[in-house]
């Protein structure tokens, strides 16, 4: 069963890493799309402002120059704000990735700890069972020795017959002589 659980854990880790990689790819694509959309908006804003600024430039060069400067500053400010937003989003995503990596490391450490505990428990079980088996063998030897010493007499047990001759309570030497 430990092999199956190990395989399941490995599959879960693979699935999690695949999901994380897919999310990373999705985040990269989203970031690129956001940057492209921001750049498009900026370009559109520039075009619109240029079109609106041309007639004004003809009327008042100074006023139009001031407005262009203000517009350029606003555009730059917008660009900076959008870049900051994108950077903040990427930082948040990086932090989420770091958290996921930490969780994966903790899971790996927990798995290692569980495997070590299982090995220790298995070793303990083997040692305990070998001690019990050894004690049983020792007890059997002691009992056989006790019974051998208790029956140290040379007499045959009661109720033994050989060729219809009762040989109970006779010793081996008596039987040889007869």
C-alpha atoms as a PDB file:
ATOM      1  CA  UNK A   1       0.000   0.000   0.000  1.00  0.00           C
ATOM      2  CA  UNK A   2       2.927   2.346   0.620  1.00  0.00           C
ATOM      3  CA  UNK A   3       3.949   2.006  -3.027  1.00  0.00           C
ATOM      4  CA  UNK A   4       0.470   2.982  -4.184  1.00  0.00           C
ATOM      5  CA  UNK A   5       0.341   5.995  -1.882  1.00  0.00           C
ATOM      6  CA  UNK A   6       3.828   6.997  -3.023  1.00  0.00           C
ATOM      7  CA  UNK A   7       2.732   6.743  -6.639  1.00  0.00           C
ATOM      8  CA  UNK A   8      -0.403   8.750  -5.914  1.00  0.00           C
ATOM      9  CA  UNK A   9       1.650  11.434  -4.184  1.00  0.00           C
ATOM     10  CA  UNK A  10       4.070  11.560  -7.123  1.00  0.00           C
ATOM     11  CA  UNK A  11       1.170  11.878  -9.560  1.00  0.00           C
ATOM     12  CA  UNK A  12      -0.345  14.664  -7.446  1.00  0.00           C
ATOM     13  CA  UNK A  13       2.985  16.494  -7.418  1.00  0.00           C
ATOM     14  CA  UNK A  14       3.304  16.109 -11.200  1.00  0.00           C
ATOM     15  CA  UNK A  15      -0.229  17.402 -11.691  1.00  0.00           C
ATOM     16  CA  UNK A  16       0.419  20.351  -9.398  1.00  0.00           C
ATOM     17  CA  UNK A  17       3.651  21.259 -11.177  1.00  0.00           C
ATOM     18  CA  UNK A  18       1.899  20.992 -14.549  1.00  0.00           C
ATOM     19  CA  UNK A  19      -0.875  23.278 -13.315  1.00  0.00           C
ATOM     20  CA  UNK A  20       1.664  25.755 -11.978  1.00  0.00           C
ATOM     21  CA  UNK A  21       3.561  25.754 -15.275  1.00  0.00           C
ATOM     22  CA  UNK A  22       0.338  26.254 -17.208  1.00  0.00           C
ATOM     23  CA  UNK A  23      -0.616  29.157 -14.943  1.00  0.00           C
ATOM     24  CA  UNK A  24       2.834  30.666 -15.441  1.00  0.00           C
ATOM     25  CA  UNK A  25       2.411  30.483 -19.203  1.00  0.00           C
ATOM     26  CA  UNK A  26      -1.079  31.987 -18.970  1.00  0.00           C
ATOM     27  CA  UNK A  27       0.233  34.804 -16.773  1.00  0.00           C
ATOM     28  CA  UNK A  28       3.011  35.564 -19.254  1.00  0.00           C
ATOM     29  CA  UNK A  29       0.518  35.697 -22.124  1.00  0.00           C
ATOM     30  CA  UNK A  30      -1.801  37.936 -20.102  1.00  0.00           C
ATOM     31  CA  UNK A  31       1.060  40.271 -19.209  1.00  0.00           C
ATOM     32  CA  UNK A  32       2.080  40.532 -22.858  1.00  0.00           C
ATOM     33  CA  UNK A  33      -1.497  41.227 -23.894  1.00  0.00           C
ATOM     34  CA  UNK A  34      -1.840  43.904 -21.229  1.00  0.00           C
ATOM     35  CA  UNK A  35       1.378  45.603 -22.293  1.00  0.00           C
ATOM     36  CA  UNK A  36       0.327  45.493 -25.941  1.00  0.00           C
ATOM     37  CA  UNK A  37      -3.111  46.904 -25.138  1.00  0.00           C
ATOM     38  CA  UNK A  38      -1.547  49.710 -23.094  1.00  0.00           C
ATOM     39  CA  UNK A  39       0.820  50.549 -25.931  1.00  0.00           C
ATOM     40  CA  UNK A  40      -2.088  50.565 -28.422  1.00  0.00           C
ATOM     41  CA  UNK A  41      -4.089  52.878 -26.204  1.00  0.00           C
ATOM     42  CA  UNK A  42      -1.145  55.210 -25.880  1.00  0.00           C
ATOM     43  CA  UNK A  43      -0.617  55.264 -29.631  1.00  0.00           C
ATOM     44  CA  UNK A  44      -4.302  55.935 -30.219  1.00  0.00           C
ATOM     45  CA  UNK A  45      -4.264  58.720 -27.665  1.00  0.00           C
ATOM     46  CA  UNK A  46      -1.247  60.236 -29.369  1.00  0.00           C
ATOM     47  CA  UNK A  47      -2.934  60.088 -32.770  1.00  0.00           C
ATOM     48  CA  UNK A  48      -6.128  61.629 -31.440  1.00  0.00           C
ATOM     49  CA  UNK A  49      -4.287  64.409 -29.709  1.00  0.00           C
ATOM     50  CA  UNK A  50      -2.204  65.140 -32.770  1.00  0.00           C
ATOM     51  CA  UNK A  51      -5.339  65.453 -34.871  1.00  0.00           C
ATOM     52  CA  UNK A  52      -6.951  67.776 -32.355  1.00  0.00           C
ATOM     53  CA  UNK A  53      -3.760  69.749 -31.838  1.00  0.00           C
ATOM     54  CA  UNK A  54      -3.112  70.579 -35.509  1.00  0.00           C
ATOM     55  CA  UNK A  55      -5.842  73.214 -35.908  1.00  0.00           C
ATOM     56  CA  UNK A  56      -4.958  74.710 -32.572  1.00  0.00           C
ATOM     57  CA  UNK A  57      -1.319  74.939 -33.568  1.00  0.00           C
ATOM     58  CA  UNK A  58      -2.246  77.025 -36.518  1.00  0.00           C
ATOM     59  CA  UNK A  59      -4.188  79.460 -34.319  1.00  0.00           C
ATOM     60  CA  UNK A  60      -1.772  79.729 -31.423  1.00  0.00           C
ATOM     61  CA  UNK A  61       1.652  78.137 -31.557  1.00  0.00           C
ATOM     62  CA  UNK A  62       2.449  78.939 -27.993  1.00  0.00           C
ATOM     63  CA  UNK A  63      -0.805  77.633 -26.599  1.00  0.00           C
ATOM     64  CA  UNK A  64      -0.584  74.516 -28.677  1.00  0.00           C
ATOM     65  CA  UNK A  65       2.990  73.898 -27.600  1.00  0.00           C
ATOM     66  CA  UNK A  66       1.951  74.226 -23.978  1.00  0.00           C
ATOM     67  CA  UNK A  67      -0.937  71.873 -24.569  1.00  0.00           C
ATOM     68  CA  UNK A  68       1.340  69.396 -26.317  1.00  0.00           C
ATOM     69  CA  UNK A  69       3.713  69.501 -23.417  1.00  0.00           C
ATOM     70  CA  UNK A  70       0.836  68.942 -21.021  1.00  0.00           C
ATOM     71  CA  UNK A  71      -0.520  66.162 -23.214  1.00  0.00           C
ATOM     72  CA  UNK A  72       2.900  64.581 -23.491  1.00  0.00           C
ATOM     73  CA  UNK A  73       3.279  64.778 -19.757  1.00  0.00           C
ATOM     74  CA  UNK A  74      -0.140  63.241 -19.287  1.00  0.00           C
ATOM     75  CA  UNK A  75       0.720  60.500 -21.749  1.00  0.00           C
ATOM     76  CA  UNK A  76       3.981  59.860 -20.012  1.00  0.00           C
ATOM     77  CA  UNK A  77       2.185  59.846 -16.681  1.00  0.00           C
ATOM     78  CA  UNK A  78      -0.372  57.407 -18.097  1.00  0.00           C
ATOM     79  CA  UNK A  79       2.399  55.228 -19.437  1.00  0.00           C
ATOM     80  CA  UNK A  80       4.161  55.262 -16.102  1.00  0.00           C
ATOM     81  CA  UNK A  81       0.967  54.435 -14.227  1.00  0.00           C
ATOM     82  CA  UNK A  82       0.159  51.574 -16.580  1.00  0.00           C
ATOM     83  CA  UNK A  83       3.692  50.250 -16.331  1.00  0.00           C
ATOM     84  CA  UNK A  84       3.468  50.455 -12.543  1.00  0.00           C
ATOM     85  CA  UNK A  85       0.196  48.548 -12.641  1.00  0.00           C
ATOM     86  CA  UNK A  86       1.726  45.880 -14.842  1.00  0.00           C
ATOM     87  CA  UNK A  87       4.781  45.687 -12.576  1.00  0.00           C
ATOM     88  CA  UNK A  88       2.586  45.400  -9.489  1.00  0.00           C
ATOM     89  CA  UNK A  89       0.601  42.618 -11.106  1.00  0.00           C
ATOM     90  CA  UNK A  90       3.767  40.801 -12.062  1.00  0.00           C
ATOM     91  CA  UNK A  91       5.103  41.192  -8.515  1.00  0.00           C
ATOM     92  CA  UNK A  92       1.882  39.776  -7.094  1.00  0.00           C
ATOM     93  CA  UNK A  93       2.129  36.854  -9.496  1.00  0.00           C
ATOM     94  CA  UNK A  94       5.761  36.307  -8.512  1.00  0.00           C
ATOM     95  CA  UNK A  95       4.770  36.277  -4.862  1.00  0.00           C
ATOM     96  CA  UNK A  96       2.050  33.729  -5.603  1.00  0.00           C
ATOM     97  CA  UNK A  97       4.570  31.588  -7.460  1.00  0.00           C
ATOM     98  CA  UNK A  98       6.971  31.810  -4.527  1.00  0.00           C
ATOM     99  CA  UNK A  99       4.214  30.744  -2.148  1.00  0.00           C
ATOM    100  CA  UNK A 100       3.372  27.782  -4.365  1.00  0.00           C
ATOM    101  CA  UNK A 101       7.040  26.811  -4.512  1.00  0.00           C
ATOM    102  CA  UNK A 102       7.264  26.982  -0.722  1.00  0.00           C
ATOM    103  CA  UNK A 103       4.166  24.810  -0.404  1.00  0.00           C
ATOM    104  CA  UNK A 104       5.698  22.275  -2.794  1.00  0.00           C
ATOM    105  CA  UNK A 105       8.907  22.230  -0.746  1.00  0.00           C
ATOM    106  CA  UNK A 106       6.920  21.692   2.456  1.00  0.00           C
ATOM    107  CA  UNK A 107       5.007  18.833   0.806  1.00  0.00           C
ATOM    108  CA  UNK A 108       8.278  17.251  -0.285  1.00  0.00           C
ATOM    109  CA  UNK A 109       9.678  17.593   3.241  1.00  0.00           C
ATOM    110  CA  UNK A 110       6.510  16.065   4.713  1.00  0.00           C
ATOM    111  CA  UNK A 111       6.765  13.125   2.318  1.00  0.00           C
ATOM    112  CA  UNK A 112      10.394  12.580   3.271  1.00  0.00           C
ATOM    113  CA  UNK A 113       9.483  12.691   6.961  1.00  0.00           C
ATOM    114  CA  UNK A 114       6.661  10.195   6.446  1.00  0.00           C
ATOM    115  CA  UNK A 115       8.972   7.827   4.563  1.00  0.00           C
ATOM    116  CA  UNK A 116      11.577   8.054   7.331  1.00  0.00           C
ATOM    117  CA  UNK A 117       8.924   7.366   9.983  1.00  0.00           C
ATOM    118  CA  UNK A 118       7.662   4.355   8.024  1.00  0.00           C
ATOM    119  CA  UNK A 119      11.204   2.972   7.761  1.00  0.00           C
ATOM    120  CA  UNK A 120      11.766   3.437  11.494  1.00  0.00           C
ATOM    121  CA  UNK A 121       8.452   1.753  12.316  1.00  0.00           C
ATOM    122  CA  UNK A 122       9.271  -1.171  10.011  1.00  0.00           C
ATOM    123  CA  UNK A 123      12.679  -1.624  11.665  1.00  0.00           C
ATOM    124  CA  UNK A 124      11.067  -1.588  15.105  1.00  0.00           C
ATOM    125  CA  UNK A 125       8.528  -4.208  14.043  1.00  0.00           C
ATOM    126  CA  UNK A 126      11.259  -6.467  12.672  1.00  0.00           C
ATOM    127  CA  UNK A 127      13.322  -6.180  15.853  1.00  0.00           C
ATOM    128  CA  UNK A 128      10.335  -6.875  18.122  1.00  0.00           C
ATOM    129  CA  UNK A 129       9.197  -9.900  16.097  1.00  0.00           C
ATOM    130  CA  UNK A 130      12.734 -11.379  16.038  1.00  0.00           C
ATOM    131  CA  UNK A 131      13.003 -10.972  19.833  1.00  0.00           C
ATOM    132  CA  UNK A 132       9.664 -12.759  20.317  1.00  0.00           C
ATOM    133  CA  UNK A 133      10.694 -15.625  18.021  1.00  0.00           C
ATOM    134  CA  UNK A 134      14.023 -15.951  19.849  1.00  0.00           C
ATOM    135  CA  UNK A 135      12.269 -16.082  23.222  1.00  0.00           C
ATOM    136  CA  UNK A 136       9.884 -18.792  21.975  1.00  0.00           C
ATOM    137  CA  UNK A 137      12.806 -20.921  20.780  1.00  0.00           C
ATOM    138  CA  UNK A 138      14.598 -20.445  24.107  1.00  0.00           C
ATOM    139  CA  UNK A 139      11.467 -21.476  26.054  1.00  0.00           C
ATOM    140  CA  UNK A 140      11.102 -24.606  23.885  1.00  0.00           C
ATOM    141  CA  UNK A 141      14.734 -25.559  24.585  1.00  0.00           C
ATOM    142  CA  UNK A 142      14.283 -25.078  28.324  1.00  0.00           C
ATOM    143  CA  UNK A 143      11.127 -27.232  28.387  1.00  0.00           C
ATOM    144  CA  UNK A 144      12.770 -30.028  26.395  1.00  0.00           C
ATOM    145  CA  UNK A 145      15.777 -29.992  28.740  1.00  0.00           C
ATOM    146  CA  UNK A 146      13.546 -30.109  31.813  1.00  0.00           C
ATOM    147  CA  UNK A 147      11.554 -33.048  30.461  1.00  0.00           C
ATOM    148  CA  UNK A 148      14.713 -34.890  29.445  1.00  0.00           C
ATOM    149  CA  UNK A 149      16.143 -34.517  32.945  1.00  0.00           C
ATOM    150  CA  UNK A 150      12.818 -35.491  34.535  1.00  0.00           C
ATOM    151  CA  UNK A 151      12.709 -38.751  32.539  1.00  0.00           C
ATOM    152  CA  UNK A 152      16.295 -39.662  33.217  1.00  0.00           C
ATOM    153  CA  UNK A 153      15.278 -43.132  34.420  1.00  0.00           C
ATOM    154  CA  UNK A 154      16.173 -46.171  32.349  1.00  0.00           C
ATOM    155  CA  UNK A 155      12.792 -47.817  32.765  1.00  0.00           C
ATOM    156  CA  UNK A 156      10.361 -48.266  29.902  1.00  0.00           C
ATOM    157  CA  UNK A 157       6.964 -46.656  30.235  1.00  0.00           C
ATOM    158  CA  UNK A 158       4.028 -48.672  31.589  1.00  0.00           C
ATOM    159  CA  UNK A 159       1.802 -50.451  29.077  1.00  0.00           C
ATOM    160  CA  UNK A 160       4.446 -51.339  26.479  1.00  0.00           C
ATOM    161  CA  UNK A 161       4.207 -54.810  24.950  1.00  0.00           C
ATOM    162  CA  UNK A 162       6.579 -56.498  22.511  1.00  0.00           C
ATOM    163  CA  UNK A 163       5.302 -59.704  20.819  1.00  0.00           C
ATOM    164  CA  UNK A 164       2.634 -60.035  23.499  1.00  0.00           C
ATOM    165  CA  UNK A 165       5.270 -59.786  26.206  1.00  0.00           C
ATOM    166  CA  UNK A 166       4.814 -57.047  28.799  1.00  0.00           C
ATOM    167  CA  UNK A 167       8.040 -55.037  29.069  1.00  0.00           C
ATOM    168  CA  UNK A 168       6.683 -52.293  31.344  1.00  0.00           C
ATOM    169  CA  UNK A 169       9.001 -50.961  34.065  1.00  0.00           C
ATOM    170  CA  UNK A 170      11.972 -52.930  32.754  1.00  0.00           C
ATOM    171  CA  UNK A 171      15.250 -51.238  32.005  1.00  0.00           C
ATOM    172  CA  UNK A 172      17.044 -51.505  28.685  1.00  0.00           C
ATOM    173  CA  UNK A 173      19.745 -53.709  30.203  1.00  0.00           C
ATOM    174  CA  UNK A 174      17.184 -56.119  31.600  1.00  0.00           C
ATOM    175  CA  UNK A 175      15.608 -56.441  28.158  1.00  0.00           C
ATOM    176  CA  UNK A 176      18.970 -57.175  26.570  1.00  0.00           C
ATOM    177  CA  UNK A 177      19.683 -59.901  29.064  1.00  0.00           C
ATOM    178  CA  UNK A 178      16.330 -61.587  28.507  1.00  0.00           C
END
